[in-house]
Amino acid sequence: AQATRLDVELGPAHGHLVLKVSDNGVGIVPGSADAKTSLGLLGMRERALRLGGSIDISSAYGSGTQVAVSIPMGPSGWGA
């Protein structure tokens, strides 16, 4: 990834636990984040969905990557 900086945020937001991780690396080649061969990203998506949550991966090639995971908390979600 050739990143020299990594930022991590974790906290509650609108009834969800949100984790955001961003770096200043080279980014992800367009289209590769959704490829079936991206097993690490696919595994993260599956785990988030299993907990009733979602994951958003945004990247601009040459400008780093941000991954945001949102998991619901409370009676119907994780953390109940």
PDB file of N, CA and C in Angstrom:
ATOM      1  N   ALA A   1       0.824  -1.207   0.000  1.00  0.00           N
ATOM      2  CA  ALA A   1       0.000   0.000   0.000  1.00  0.00           C
ATOM      3  C   ALA A   1       0.859   1.258   0.000  1.00  0.00           C
ATOM      4  N   GLN A   2       2.097   1.122   0.428  1.00  0.00           N
ATOM      5  CA  GLN A   2       3.045   2.237   0.471  1.00  0.00           C
ATOM      6  C   GLN A   2       2.530   3.403   1.310  1.00  0.00           C
ATOM      7  N   ALA A   3       1.755   3.116   2.321  1.00  0.00           N
ATOM      8  CA  ALA A   3       1.223   4.168   3.185  1.00  0.00           C
ATOM      9  C   ALA A   3       2.271   4.601   4.201  1.00  0.00           C
ATOM     10  N   THR A   4       2.279   5.880   4.506  1.00  0.00           N
ATOM     11  CA  THR A   4       3.141   6.413   5.556  1.00  0.00           C
ATOM     12  C   THR A   4       2.316   6.918   6.729  1.00  0.00           C
ATOM     13  N   ARG A   5       0.994   6.887   6.574  1.00  0.00           N
ATOM     14  CA  ARG A   5       0.107   7.356   7.634  1.00  0.00           C
ATOM     15  C   ARG A   5      -1.138   6.484   7.650  1.00  0.00           C
ATOM     16  N   LEU A   6      -1.607   6.175   8.866  1.00  0.00           N
ATOM     17  CA  LEU A   6      -2.818   5.401   9.060  1.00  0.00           C
ATOM     18  C   LEU A   6      -3.632   6.079  10.156  1.00  0.00           C
ATOM     19  N   ASP A   7      -4.890   6.372   9.868  1.00  0.00           N
ATOM     20  CA  ASP A   7      -5.784   6.972  10.856  1.00  0.00           C
ATOM     21  C   ASP A   7      -6.882   5.978  11.191  1.00  0.00           C
ATOM     22  N   VAL A   8      -7.194   5.851  12.490  1.00  0.00           N
ATOM     23  CA  VAL A   8      -8.225   4.928  12.950  1.00  0.00           C
ATOM     24  C   VAL A   8      -9.177   5.681  13.862  1.00  0.00           C
ATOM     25  N   GLU A   9     -10.471   5.550  13.596  1.00  0.00           N
ATOM     26  CA  GLU A   9     -11.510   6.146  14.437  1.00  0.00           C
ATOM     27  C   GLU A   9     -12.485   5.045  14.826  1.00  0.00           C
ATOM     28  N   LEU A  10     -12.921   5.029  16.084  1.00  0.00           N
ATOM     29  CA  LEU A  10     -13.901   4.060  16.563  1.00  0.00           C
ATOM     30  C   LEU A  10     -14.842   4.768  17.505  1.00  0.00           C
ATOM     31  N   GLY A  11     -16.144   4.615  17.274  1.00  0.00           N
ATOM     32  CA  GLY A  11     -17.093   5.243  18.173  1.00  0.00           C
ATOM     33  C   GLY A  11     -18.523   5.024  17.734  1.00  0.00           C
ATOM     34  N   PRO A  12     -19.451   5.439  18.595  1.00  0.00           N
ATOM     35  CA  PRO A  12     -20.869   5.290  18.273  1.00  0.00           C
ATOM     36  C   PRO A  12     -21.345   6.395  17.335  1.00  0.00           C
ATOM     37  N   ALA A  13     -22.325   6.043  16.489  1.00  0.00           N
ATOM     38  CA  ALA A  13     -22.947   7.024  15.603  1.00  0.00           C
ATOM     39  C   ALA A  13     -24.325   6.510  15.206  1.00  0.00           C
ATOM     40  N   HIS A  14     -25.358   7.191  15.654  1.00  0.00           N
ATOM     41  CA  HIS A  14     -26.735   6.877  15.249  1.00  0.00           C
ATOM     42  C   HIS A  14     -27.106   5.420  15.504  1.00  0.00           C
ATOM     43  N   GLY A  15     -26.780   4.901  16.686  1.00  0.00           N
ATOM     44  CA  GLY A  15     -27.138   3.536  17.046  1.00  0.00           C
ATOM     45  C   GLY A  15     -26.233   2.462  16.456  1.00  0.00           C
ATOM     46  N   HIS A  16     -25.132   2.863  15.892  1.00  0.00           N
ATOM     47  CA  HIS A  16     -24.181   1.927  15.304  1.00  0.00           C
ATOM     48  C   HIS A  16     -22.805   2.138  15.932  1.00  0.00           C
ATOM     49  N   LEU A  17     -22.020   1.088  15.930  1.00  0.00           N
ATOM     50  CA  LEU A  17     -20.610   1.205  16.263  1.00  0.00           C
ATOM     51  C   LEU A  17     -19.895   1.338  14.925  1.00  0.00           C
ATOM     52  N   VAL A  18     -19.124   2.403  14.756  1.00  0.00           N
ATOM     53  CA  VAL A  18     -18.493   2.687  13.473  1.00  0.00           C
ATOM     54  C   VAL A  18     -16.974   2.682  13.631  1.00  0.00           C
ATOM     55  N   LEU A  19     -16.326   1.925  12.754  1.00  0.00           N
ATOM     56  CA  LEU A  19     -14.868   1.880  12.687  1.00  0.00           C
ATOM     57  C   LEU A  19     -14.459   2.426  11.330  1.00  0.00           C
ATOM     58  N   LYS A  20     -13.595   3.434  11.330  1.00  0.00           N
ATOM     59  CA  LYS A  20     -13.065   3.996  10.082  1.00  0.00           C
ATOM     60  C   LYS A  20     -11.550   3.892  10.112  1.00  0.00           C
ATOM     61  N   VAL A  21     -11.011   3.336   9.054  1.00  0.00           N
ATOM     62  CA  VAL A  21      -9.568   3.212   8.903  1.00  0.00           C
ATOM     63  C   VAL A  21      -9.207   3.824   7.552  1.00  0.00           C
ATOM     64  N   SER A  22      -8.283   4.762   7.555  1.00  0.00           N
ATOM     65  CA  SER A  22      -7.870   5.384   6.293  1.00  0.00           C
ATOM     66  C   SER A  22      -6.353   5.495   6.249  1.00  0.00           C
ATOM     67  N   ASP A  23      -5.824   5.443   5.027  1.00  0.00           N
ATOM     68  CA  ASP A  23      -4.380   5.590   4.855  1.00  0.00           C
ATOM     69  C   ASP A  23      -4.085   6.521   3.685  1.00  0.00           C
ATOM     70  N   ASN A  24      -2.838   6.854   3.541  1.00  0.00           N
ATOM     71  CA  ASN A  24      -2.422   7.734   2.454  1.00  0.00           C
ATOM     72  C   ASN A  24      -1.602   6.970   1.426  1.00  0.00           C
ATOM     73  N   GLY A  25      -1.892   5.681   1.293  1.00  0.00           N
ATOM     74  CA  GLY A  25      -1.148   4.834   0.369  1.00  0.00           C
ATOM     75  C   GLY A  25      -1.524   5.060  -1.084  1.00  0.00           C
ATOM     76  N   VAL A  26      -1.191   4.091  -1.914  1.00  0.00           N
ATOM     77  CA  VAL A  26      -1.422   4.226  -3.349  1.00  0.00           C
ATOM     78  C   VAL A  26      -2.872   3.983  -3.743  1.00  0.00           C
ATOM     79  N   GLY A  27      -3.682   3.482  -2.834  1.00  0.00           N
ATOM     80  CA  GLY A  27      -5.080   3.231  -3.153  1.00  0.00           C
ATOM     81  C   GLY A  27      -5.282   1.866  -3.777  1.00  0.00           C
ATOM     82  N   ILE A  28      -6.509   1.605  -4.154  1.00  0.00           N
ATOM     83  CA  ILE A  28      -6.897   0.324  -4.742  1.00  0.00           C
ATOM     84  C   ILE A  28      -7.186   0.551  -6.218  1.00  0.00           C
ATOM     85  N   VAL A  29      -6.699  -0.335  -7.038  1.00  0.00           N
ATOM     86  CA  VAL A  29      -6.958  -0.250  -8.475  1.00  0.00           C
ATOM     87  C   VAL A  29      -8.474  -0.291  -8.691  1.00  0.00           C
ATOM     88  N   PRO A  30      -9.020   0.634  -9.488  1.00  0.00           N
ATOM     89  CA  PRO A  30     -10.469   0.668  -9.710  1.00  0.00           C
ATOM     90  C   PRO A  30     -11.032  -0.700 -10.110  1.00  0.00           C
ATOM     91  N   GLY A  31     -12.114  -1.102  -9.421  1.00  0.00           N
ATOM     92  CA  GLY A  31     -12.778  -2.369  -9.694  1.00  0.00           C
ATOM     93  C   GLY A  31     -12.242  -3.550  -8.918  1.00  0.00           C
ATOM     94  N   SER A  32     -11.029  -3.455  -8.376  1.00  0.00           N
ATOM     95  CA  SER A  32     -10.456  -4.616  -7.690  1.00  0.00           C
ATOM     96  C   SER A  32     -11.047  -4.838  -6.301  1.00  0.00           C
ATOM     97  N   ALA A  33     -11.617  -3.821  -5.671  1.00  0.00           N
ATOM     98  CA  ALA A  33     -12.203  -3.988  -4.338  1.00  0.00           C
ATOM     99  C   ALA A  33     -13.411  -4.908  -4.378  1.00  0.00           C
ATOM    100  N   ASP A  34     -14.092  -4.979  -5.519  1.00  0.00           N
ATOM    101  CA  ASP A  34     -15.267  -5.831  -5.649  1.00  0.00           C
ATOM    102  C   ASP A  34     -14.962  -7.167  -6.310  1.00  0.00           C
ATOM    103  N   ALA A  35     -13.710  -7.395  -6.656  1.00  0.00           N
ATOM    104  CA  ALA A  35     -13.335  -8.636  -7.330  1.00  0.00           C
ATOM    105  C   ALA A  35     -13.456  -9.825  -6.380  1.00  0.00           C
ATOM    106  N   LYS A  36     -13.872 -10.954  -6.916  1.00  0.00           N
ATOM    107  CA  LYS A  36     -14.018 -12.180  -6.120  1.00  0.00           C
ATOM    108  C   LYS A  36     -12.678 -12.687  -5.610  1.00  0.00           C
ATOM    109  N   THR A  37     -11.584 -12.209  -6.189  1.00  0.00           N
ATOM    110  CA  THR A  37     -10.255 -12.644  -5.752  1.00  0.00           C
ATOM    111  C   THR A  37      -9.723 -11.813  -4.589  1.00  0.00           C
ATOM    112  N   SER A  38     -10.416 -10.742  -4.219  1.00  0.00           N
ATOM    113  CA  SER A  38     -10.007  -9.919  -3.076  1.00  0.00           C
ATOM    114  C   SER A  38     -10.553 -10.549  -1.802  1.00  0.00           C
ATOM    115  N   LEU A  39      -9.926 -11.645  -1.388  1.00  0.00           N
ATOM    116  CA  LEU A  39     -10.464 -12.436  -0.284  1.00  0.00           C
ATOM    117  C   LEU A  39     -10.482 -11.687   1.037  1.00  0.00           C
ATOM    118  N   GLY A  40      -9.496 -10.833   1.284  1.00  0.00           N
ATOM    119  CA  GLY A  40      -9.481 -10.059   2.527  1.00  0.00           C
ATOM    120  C   GLY A  40     -10.670  -9.112   2.604  1.00  0.00           C
ATOM    121  N   LEU A  41     -10.928  -8.399   1.526  1.00  0.00           N
ATOM    122  CA  LEU A  41     -12.063  -7.473   1.488  1.00  0.00           C
ATOM    123  C   LEU A  41     -13.390  -8.233   1.508  1.00  0.00           C
ATOM    124  N   LEU A  42     -13.448  -9.353   0.795  1.00  0.00           N
ATOM    125  CA  LEU A  42     -14.651 -10.176   0.789  1.00  0.00           C
ATOM    126  C   LEU A  42     -14.952 -10.699   2.187  1.00  0.00           C
ATOM    127  N   GLY A  43     -13.917 -11.142   2.904  1.00  0.00           N
ATOM    128  CA  GLY A  43     -14.089 -11.627   4.271  1.00  0.00           C
ATOM    129  C   GLY A  43     -14.608 -10.547   5.206  1.00  0.00           C
ATOM    130  N   MET A  44     -14.092  -9.319   5.046  1.00  0.00           N
ATOM    131  CA  MET A  44     -14.584  -8.208   5.880  1.00  0.00           C
ATOM    132  C   MET A  44     -16.049  -7.933   5.596  1.00  0.00           C
ATOM    133  N   ARG A  45     -16.438  -7.958   4.321  1.00  0.00           N
ATOM    134  CA  ARG A  45     -17.848  -7.740   3.954  1.00  0.00           C
ATOM    135  C   ARG A  45     -18.750  -8.809   4.584  1.00  0.00           C
ATOM    136  N   GLU A  46     -18.326 -10.060   4.490  1.00  0.00           N
ATOM    137  CA  GLU A  46     -19.118 -11.159   5.041  1.00  0.00           C
ATOM    138  C   GLU A  46     -19.281 -11.027   6.552  1.00  0.00           C
ATOM    139  N   ARG A  47     -18.237 -10.656   7.248  1.00  0.00           N
ATOM    140  CA  ARG A  47     -18.315 -10.509   8.705  1.00  0.00           C
ATOM    141  C   ARG A  47     -19.236  -9.354   9.096  1.00  0.00           C
ATOM    142  N   ALA A  48     -19.146  -8.245   8.380  1.00  0.00           N
ATOM    143  CA  ALA A  48     -20.017  -7.107   8.672  1.00  0.00           C
ATOM    144  C   ALA A  48     -21.482  -7.488   8.429  1.00  0.00           C
ATOM    145  N   LEU A  49     -21.754  -8.144   7.317  1.00  0.00           N
ATOM    146  CA  LEU A  49     -23.127  -8.555   7.007  1.00  0.00           C
ATOM    147  C   LEU A  49     -23.662  -9.540   8.030  1.00  0.00           C
ATOM    148  N   ARG A  50     -22.824 -10.447   8.494  1.00  0.00           N
ATOM    149  CA  ARG A  50     -23.228 -11.440   9.499  1.00  0.00           C
ATOM    150  C   ARG A  50     -23.694 -10.754  10.789  1.00  0.00           C
ATOM    151  N   LEU A  51     -23.143  -9.582  11.078  1.00  0.00           N
ATOM    152  CA  LEU A  51     -23.522  -8.832  12.273  1.00  0.00           C
ATOM    153  C   LEU A  51     -24.617  -7.801  11.986  1.00  0.00           C
ATOM    154  N   GLY A  52     -25.194  -7.857  10.790  1.00  0.00           N
ATOM    155  CA  GLY A  52     -26.256  -6.919  10.430  1.00  0.00           C
ATOM    156  C   GLY A  52     -25.739  -5.556  10.010  1.00  0.00           C
ATOM    157  N   GLY A  53     -24.464  -5.459   9.736  1.00  0.00           N
ATOM    158  CA  GLY A  53     -23.853  -4.178   9.414  1.00  0.00           C
ATOM    159  C   GLY A  53     -23.507  -4.039   7.951  1.00  0.00           C
ATOM    160  N   SER A  54     -22.662  -3.054   7.706  1.00  0.00           N
ATOM    161  CA  SER A  54     -22.243  -2.782   6.334  1.00  0.00           C
ATOM    162  C   SER A  54     -20.795  -2.319   6.339  1.00  0.00           C
ATOM    163  N   ILE A  55     -20.208  -2.348   5.162  1.00  0.00           N
ATOM    164  CA  ILE A  55     -18.843  -1.872   4.998  1.00  0.00           C
ATOM    165  C   ILE A  55     -18.794  -1.032   3.731  1.00  0.00           C
ATOM    166  N   ASP A  56     -18.070   0.060   3.816  1.00  0.00           N
ATOM    167  CA  ASP A  56     -17.904   0.933   2.660  1.00  0.00           C
ATOM    168  C   ASP A  56     -16.412   1.112   2.431  1.00  0.00           C
ATOM    169  N   ILE A  57     -15.974   0.808   1.228  1.00  0.00           N
ATOM    170  CA  ILE A  57     -14.571   0.947   0.874  1.00  0.00           C
ATOM    171  C   ILE A  57     -14.476   1.995  -0.217  1.00  0.00           C
ATOM    172  N   SER A  58     -13.752   3.058   0.068  1.00  0.00           N
ATOM    173  CA  SER A  58     -13.577   4.098  -0.940  1.00  0.00           C
ATOM    174  C   SER A  58     -12.090   4.323  -1.151  1.00  0.00           C
ATOM    175  N   SER A  59     -11.729   4.463  -2.416  1.00  0.00           N
ATOM    176  CA  SER A  59     -10.330   4.631  -2.750  1.00  0.00           C
ATOM    177  C   SER A  59     -10.214   5.316  -4.101  1.00  0.00           C
ATOM    178  N   ALA A  60      -9.234   6.150  -4.202  1.00  0.00           N
ATOM    179  CA  ALA A  60      -8.880   6.747  -5.481  1.00  0.00           C
ATOM    180  C   ALA A  60      -7.439   6.340  -5.730  1.00  0.00           C
ATOM    181  N   TYR A  61      -7.189   5.659  -6.825  1.00  0.00           N
ATOM    182  CA  TYR A  61      -5.855   5.154  -7.092  1.00  0.00           C
ATOM    183  C   TYR A  61      -4.845   6.305  -7.019  1.00  0.00           C
ATOM    184  N   GLY A  62      -3.876   6.138  -6.155  1.00  0.00           N
ATOM    185  CA  GLY A  62      -2.868   7.161  -5.942  1.00  0.00           C
ATOM    186  C   GLY A  62      -3.183   8.095  -4.781  1.00  0.00           C
ATOM    187  N   SER A  63      -4.360   7.923  -4.159  1.00  0.00           N
ATOM    188  CA  SER A  63      -4.769   8.850  -3.096  1.00  0.00           C
ATOM    189  C   SER A  63      -5.191   8.168  -1.799  1.00  0.00           C
ATOM    190  N   GLY A  64      -4.850   6.921  -1.598  1.00  0.00           N
ATOM    191  CA  GLY A  64      -5.171   6.250  -0.354  1.00  0.00           C
ATOM    192  C   GLY A  64      -6.524   5.562  -0.369  1.00  0.00           C
ATOM    193  N   THR A  65      -6.846   4.957   0.773  1.00  0.00           N
ATOM    194  CA  THR A  65      -8.055   4.147   0.911  1.00  0.00           C
ATOM    195  C   THR A  65      -8.702   4.426   2.252  1.00  0.00           C
ATOM    196  N   GLN A  66     -10.037   4.394   2.282  1.00  0.00           N
ATOM    197  CA  GLN A  66     -10.779   4.478   3.541  1.00  0.00           C
ATOM    198  C   GLN A  66     -11.744   3.310   3.596  1.00  0.00           C
ATOM    199  N   VAL A  67     -11.725   2.626   4.735  1.00  0.00           N
ATOM    200  CA  VAL A  67     -12.658   1.535   4.990  1.00  0.00           C
ATOM    201  C   VAL A  67     -13.483   1.937   6.200  1.00  0.00           C
ATOM    202  N   ALA A  68     -14.811   1.915   6.056  1.00  0.00           N
ATOM    203  CA  ALA A  68     -15.718   2.250   7.158  1.00  0.00           C
ATOM    204  C   ALA A  68     -16.654   1.076   7.385  1.00  0.00           C
ATOM    205  N   VAL A  69     -16.666   0.559   8.608  1.00  0.00           N
ATOM    206  CA  VAL A  69     -17.536  -0.547   8.991  1.00  0.00           C
ATOM    207  C   VAL A  69     -18.534  -0.021  10.002  1.00  0.00           C
ATOM    208  N   SER A  70     -19.803  -0.332   9.777  1.00  0.00           N
ATOM    209  CA  SER A  70     -20.880   0.124  10.664  1.00  0.00           C
ATOM    210  C   SER A  70     -21.671  -1.108  11.122  1.00  0.00           C
ATOM    211  N   ILE A  71     -21.748  -1.314  12.444  1.00  0.00           N
ATOM    212  CA  ILE A  71     -22.446  -2.463  13.025  1.00  0.00           C
ATOM    213  C   ILE A  71     -23.513  -1.921  13.974  1.00  0.00           C
ATOM    214  N   PRO A  72     -24.784  -2.352  13.815  1.00  0.00           N
ATOM    215  CA  PRO A  72     -25.830  -1.855  14.705  1.00  0.00           C
ATOM    216  C   PRO A  72     -25.626  -2.321  16.149  1.00  0.00           C
ATOM    217  N   MET A  73     -25.952  -1.445  17.085  1.00  0.00           N
ATOM    218  CA  MET A  73     -25.878  -1.773  18.510  1.00  0.00           C
ATOM    219  C   MET A  73     -27.309  -1.809  19.053  1.00  0.00           C
ATOM    220  N   GLY A  74     -27.467  -2.401  20.218  1.00  0.00           N
ATOM    221  CA  GLY A  74     -28.777  -2.363  20.852  1.00  0.00           C
ATOM    222  C   GLY A  74     -29.540  -3.669  20.740  1.00  0.00           C
ATOM    223  N   PRO A  75     -30.863  -3.621  20.981  1.00  0.00           N
ATOM    224  CA  PRO A  75     -31.676  -4.823  21.096  1.00  0.00           C
ATOM    225  C   PRO A  75     -31.603  -5.766  19.895  1.00  0.00           C
ATOM    226  N   SER A  76     -31.487  -5.234  18.677  1.00  0.00           N
ATOM    227  CA  SER A  76     -31.481  -6.127  17.515  1.00  0.00           C
ATOM    228  C   SER A  76     -30.107  -6.302  16.905  1.00  0.00           C
ATOM    229  N   GLY A  77     -29.103  -5.687  17.480  1.00  0.00           N
ATOM    230  CA  GLY A  77     -27.771  -5.764  16.886  1.00  0.00           C
ATOM    231  C   GLY A  77     -26.718  -6.150  17.891  1.00  0.00           C
ATOM    232  N   TRP A  78     -25.478  -6.054  17.468  1.00  0.00           N
ATOM    233  CA  TRP A  78     -24.339  -6.389  18.309  1.00  0.00           C
ATOM    234  C   TRP A  78     -24.305  -5.439  19.498  1.00  0.00           C
ATOM    235  N   GLY A  79     -23.837  -5.904  20.584  1.00  0.00           N
ATOM    236  CA  GLY A  79     -23.696  -5.053  21.767  1.00  0.00           C
ATOM    237  C   GLY A  79     -24.941  -5.041  22.632  1.00  0.00           C
ATOM    238  N   ALA A  80     -25.928  -5.855  22.281  1.00  0.00           N
ATOM    239  CA  ALA A  80     -27.179  -5.893  23.063  1.00  0.00           C
ATOM    240  C   ALA A  80     -26.963  -6.546  24.396  1.00  0.00           C
TER     241      ALA A  80
END
